[in-house]
C-alpha atoms as a PDB file:
ATOM      1  CA  MET A   1     -17.712   9.995 -15.079  1.00  0.00           C
ATOM      2  CA  SER A   2     -14.489  11.837 -14.637  1.00  0.00           C
ATOM      3  CA  ILE A   3     -11.253  10.499 -13.228  1.00  0.00           C
ATOM      4  CA  GLN A   4      -9.739  12.353 -10.264  1.00  0.00           C
ATOM      5  CA  ARG A   5      -5.975  12.202  -9.751  1.00  0.00           C
ATOM      6  CA  PHE A   6      -3.982  13.301  -6.713  1.00  0.00           C
ATOM      7  CA  HIS A   7      -0.273  14.030  -6.327  1.00  0.00           C
ATOM      8  CA  VAL A   8       0.254  13.964 -10.077  1.00  0.00           C
ATOM      9  CA  GLY A   9       3.859  13.819 -11.209  1.00  0.00           C
ATOM     10  CA  PRO A  10       5.512  13.490 -14.600  1.00  0.00           C
ATOM     11  CA  ARG A  11       5.651   9.686 -14.301  1.00  0.00           C
ATOM     12  CA  LEU A  12       2.722   8.698 -12.067  1.00  0.00           C
ATOM     13  CA  SER A  13      -0.093   9.828  -9.814  1.00  0.00           C
ATOM     14  CA  GLU A  14      -0.171   8.597  -6.227  1.00  0.00           C
ATOM     15  CA  THR A  15      -3.962   8.169  -6.358  1.00  0.00           C
ATOM     16  CA  ALA A  16      -6.684   7.901  -8.975  1.00  0.00           C
ATOM     17  CA  ILE A  17     -10.407   7.696  -8.267  1.00  0.00           C
ATOM     18  CA  PHE A  18     -12.992   6.445 -10.740  1.00  0.00           C
ATOM     19  CA  ASN A  19     -16.550   5.360 -10.064  1.00  0.00           C
ATOM     20  CA  GLN A  20     -15.951   5.563  -6.280  1.00  0.00           C
ATOM     21  CA  VAL A  21     -12.981   3.185  -6.460  1.00  0.00           C
ATOM     22  CA  VAL A  22      -9.616   4.417  -5.185  1.00  0.00           C
ATOM     23  CA  TYR A  23      -6.464   3.143  -6.902  1.00  0.00           C
ATOM     24  CA  LEU A  24      -3.136   3.765  -5.178  1.00  0.00           C
ATOM     25  CA  ALA A  25       0.258   3.630  -6.828  1.00  0.00           C
ATOM     26  CA  GLY A  26       2.764   1.264  -5.276  1.00  0.00           C
ATOM     27  CA  GLN A  27       3.676   2.667  -1.871  1.00  0.00           C
ATOM     28  CA  ILE A  28       7.296   2.493  -0.774  1.00  0.00           C
ATOM     29  CA  PRO A  29       9.151   3.476   2.399  1.00  0.00           C
ATOM     30  CA  ASP A  30      10.683   6.930   2.836  1.00  0.00           C
ATOM     31  CA  ASP A  31      13.484   5.612   5.056  1.00  0.00           C
ATOM     32  CA  ALA A  32      14.963   2.539   3.423  1.00  0.00           C
ATOM     33  CA  SER A  33      17.545   2.164   6.190  1.00  0.00           C
ATOM     34  CA  GLN A  34      14.895   0.592   8.437  1.00  0.00           C
ATOM     35  CA  ASP A  35      14.236  -3.137   8.670  1.00  0.00           C
ATOM     36  CA  ILE A  36      11.159  -4.798   7.169  1.00  0.00           C
ATOM     37  CA  LYS A  37       8.985  -3.921  10.174  1.00  0.00           C
ATOM     38  CA  GLY A  38       9.952  -0.251   9.980  1.00  0.00           C
ATOM     39  CA  GLN A  39       9.526  -0.109   6.212  1.00  0.00           C
ATOM     40  CA  THR A  40       6.165  -1.875   6.412  1.00  0.00           C
ATOM     41  CA  ALA A  41       4.929   0.579   9.064  1.00  0.00           C
ATOM     42  CA  GLN A  42       5.958   3.505   6.845  1.00  0.00           C
ATOM     43  CA  VAL A  43       4.182   2.069   3.800  1.00  0.00           C
ATOM     44  CA  LEU A  44       0.984   1.345   5.744  1.00  0.00           C
ATOM     45  CA  ALA A  45       1.015   4.906   7.119  1.00  0.00           C
ATOM     46  CA  HIS A  46       1.246   6.210   3.527  1.00  0.00           C
ATOM     47  CA  ILE A  47      -1.729   4.040   2.603  1.00  0.00           C
ATOM     48  CA  ASP A  48      -3.750   5.341   5.564  1.00  0.00           C
ATOM     49  CA  ARG A  49      -2.976   8.949   4.598  1.00  0.00           C
ATOM     50  CA  LEU A  50      -3.779   8.528   0.903  1.00  0.00           C
ATOM     51  CA  LEU A  51      -6.987   6.595   1.548  1.00  0.00           C
ATOM     52  CA  ALA A  52      -8.181   9.243   4.022  1.00  0.00           C
ATOM     53  CA  GLU A  53      -7.442  11.954   1.468  1.00  0.00           C
ATOM     54  CA  ALA A  54      -9.525  10.018  -1.090  1.00  0.00           C
ATOM     55  CA  GLY A  55     -12.472   9.515   1.273  1.00  0.00           C
ATOM     56  CA  SER A  56     -11.725   5.932   2.201  1.00  0.00           C
ATOM     57  CA  ASP A  57      -9.897   3.904   4.841  1.00  0.00           C
ATOM     58  CA  LYS A  58      -8.251   0.526   5.382  1.00  0.00           C
ATOM     59  CA  SER A  59     -11.587  -1.154   6.197  1.00  0.00           C
ATOM     60  CA  ARG A  60     -12.643  -0.430   2.583  1.00  0.00           C
ATOM     61  CA  ILE A  61      -9.675  -2.102   0.851  1.00  0.00           C
ATOM     62  CA  LEU A  62     -10.878  -4.272  -2.013  1.00  0.00           C
ATOM     63  CA  SER A  63      -7.532  -5.749  -3.022  1.00  0.00           C
ATOM     64  CA  CYS A  64      -3.906  -5.594  -1.894  1.00  0.00           C
ATOM     65  CA  GLN A  65      -0.710  -6.668  -3.629  1.00  0.00           C
ATOM     66  CA  ILE A  66       2.458  -6.868  -1.562  1.00  0.00           C
ATOM     67  CA  PHE A  67       5.883  -7.125  -3.162  1.00  0.00           C
ATOM     68  CA  LEU A  68       8.788  -8.198  -0.936  1.00  0.00           C
ATOM     69  CA  SER A  69      12.432  -8.105  -1.985  1.00  0.00           C
ATOM     70  CA  ASP A  70      12.888 -11.403  -0.137  1.00  0.00           C
ATOM     71  CA  ILE A  71       9.931 -13.688   0.628  1.00  0.00           C
ATOM     72  CA  SER A  72      11.636 -14.817   3.849  1.00  0.00           C
ATOM     73  CA  LEU A  73      10.623 -11.386   5.264  1.00  0.00           C
ATOM     74  CA  ILE A  74       6.929 -12.316   5.140  1.00  0.00           C
ATOM     75  CA  GLY A  75       6.708 -13.351   8.811  1.00  0.00           C
ATOM     76  CA  SER A  76       8.037 -10.044  10.141  1.00  0.00           C
ATOM     77  CA  MET A  77       6.020  -8.078   7.599  1.00  0.00           C
ATOM     78  CA  ASN A  78       2.868  -9.981   8.631  1.00  0.00           C
ATOM     79  CA  GLN A  79       3.419  -9.002  12.280  1.00  0.00           C
ATOM     80  CA  VAL A  80       3.068  -5.333  11.306  1.00  0.00           C
ATOM     81  CA  TRP A  81       0.285  -6.051   8.793  1.00  0.00           C
ATOM     82  CA  ASP A  82      -1.766  -8.082  11.301  1.00  0.00           C
ATOM     83  CA  ALA A  83      -1.619  -5.256  13.861  1.00  0.00           C
ATOM     84  CA  TRP A  84      -2.683  -2.737  11.185  1.00  0.00           C
ATOM     85  CA  VAL A  85      -5.378  -4.463   9.140  1.00  0.00           C
ATOM     86  CA  ALA A  86      -8.972  -3.573  10.061  1.00  0.00           C
ATOM     87  CA  GLU A  87     -10.386  -6.415  12.156  1.00  0.00           C
ATOM     88  CA  GLY A  88     -13.048  -8.323  10.259  1.00  0.00           C
ATOM     89  CA  ASN A  89     -12.064  -6.570   7.026  1.00  0.00           C
ATOM     90  CA  SER A  90      -8.935  -8.404   5.909  1.00  0.00           C
ATOM     91  CA  PRO A  91      -8.820  -7.785   2.160  1.00  0.00           C
ATOM     92  CA  PRO A  92      -7.988 -10.239  -0.596  1.00  0.00           C
ATOM     93  CA  ARG A  93      -4.205 -10.135  -0.807  1.00  0.00           C
ATOM     94  CA  ALA A  94      -1.301 -11.465  -2.820  1.00  0.00           C
ATOM     95  CA  THR A  95       2.264 -11.447  -1.499  1.00  0.00           C
ATOM     96  CA  VAL A  96       5.136 -12.193  -3.839  1.00  0.00           C
ATOM     97  CA  GLU A  97       8.892 -11.879  -4.013  1.00  0.00           C
ATOM     98  CA  ALA A  98      10.021  -9.298  -6.554  1.00  0.00           C
ATOM     99  CA  LYS A  99      13.089  -7.353  -7.546  1.00  0.00           C
ATOM    100  CA  LEU A 100      12.120  -3.815  -6.528  1.00  0.00           C
ATOM    101  CA  ALA A 101      13.264  -0.647  -8.329  1.00  0.00           C
ATOM    102  CA  ASN A 102      15.519   0.405  -5.429  1.00  0.00           C
ATOM    103  CA  PRO A 103      17.639  -2.380  -3.895  1.00  0.00           C
ATOM    104  CA  ASP A 104      17.244  -0.785  -0.440  1.00  0.00           C
ATOM    105  CA  TRP A 105      13.458  -1.121  -0.505  1.00  0.00           C
ATOM    106  CA  LEU A 106      12.230  -4.287   1.171  1.00  0.00           C
ATOM    107  CA  ILE A 107       8.531  -3.771   0.411  1.00  0.00           C
ATOM    108  CA  GLU A 108       6.108  -2.114  -1.986  1.00  0.00           C
ATOM    109  CA  VAL A 109       2.314  -2.283  -1.570  1.00  0.00           C
ATOM    110  CA  VAL A 110      -0.454  -1.592  -4.099  1.00  0.00           C
ATOM    111  CA  VAL A 111      -4.005  -1.073  -2.831  1.00  0.00           C
ATOM    112  CA  THR A 112      -7.434  -0.650  -4.410  1.00  0.00           C
ATOM    113  CA  ALA A 113     -10.257   0.507  -2.134  1.00  0.00           C
ATOM    114  CA  ALA A 114     -13.866   1.682  -2.214  1.00  0.00           C
ATOM    115  CA  GLN A 115     -14.705   5.207  -1.174  1.00  0.00           C
ATOM    116  CA  ASN A 116     -16.888   5.671   1.925  1.00  0.00           C
END
């Protein structure tokens, strides 16, 4: 089986698909001036767009890893997450505090999903 890659750059691809499994790179906000709710909404919109492009959607997420710059932001982040996640399809998830590559980023999310 071949590996498909989308939005390939010199350092990383945004998406890879192998054996009907979609792997997304860590998704970050475009506008880091927003608070955690705004940054989370941006990141989840990126995930929706990339999954749709790969023939999947948020109800097909197999695993999610969330990295927060400050774990005290989890409550506000969860408010946005809970409104977004597909009802009845909450994926396995880990949420940890991490020092992110850009100090203005409050969140980064990595998702693996099955294709439709």
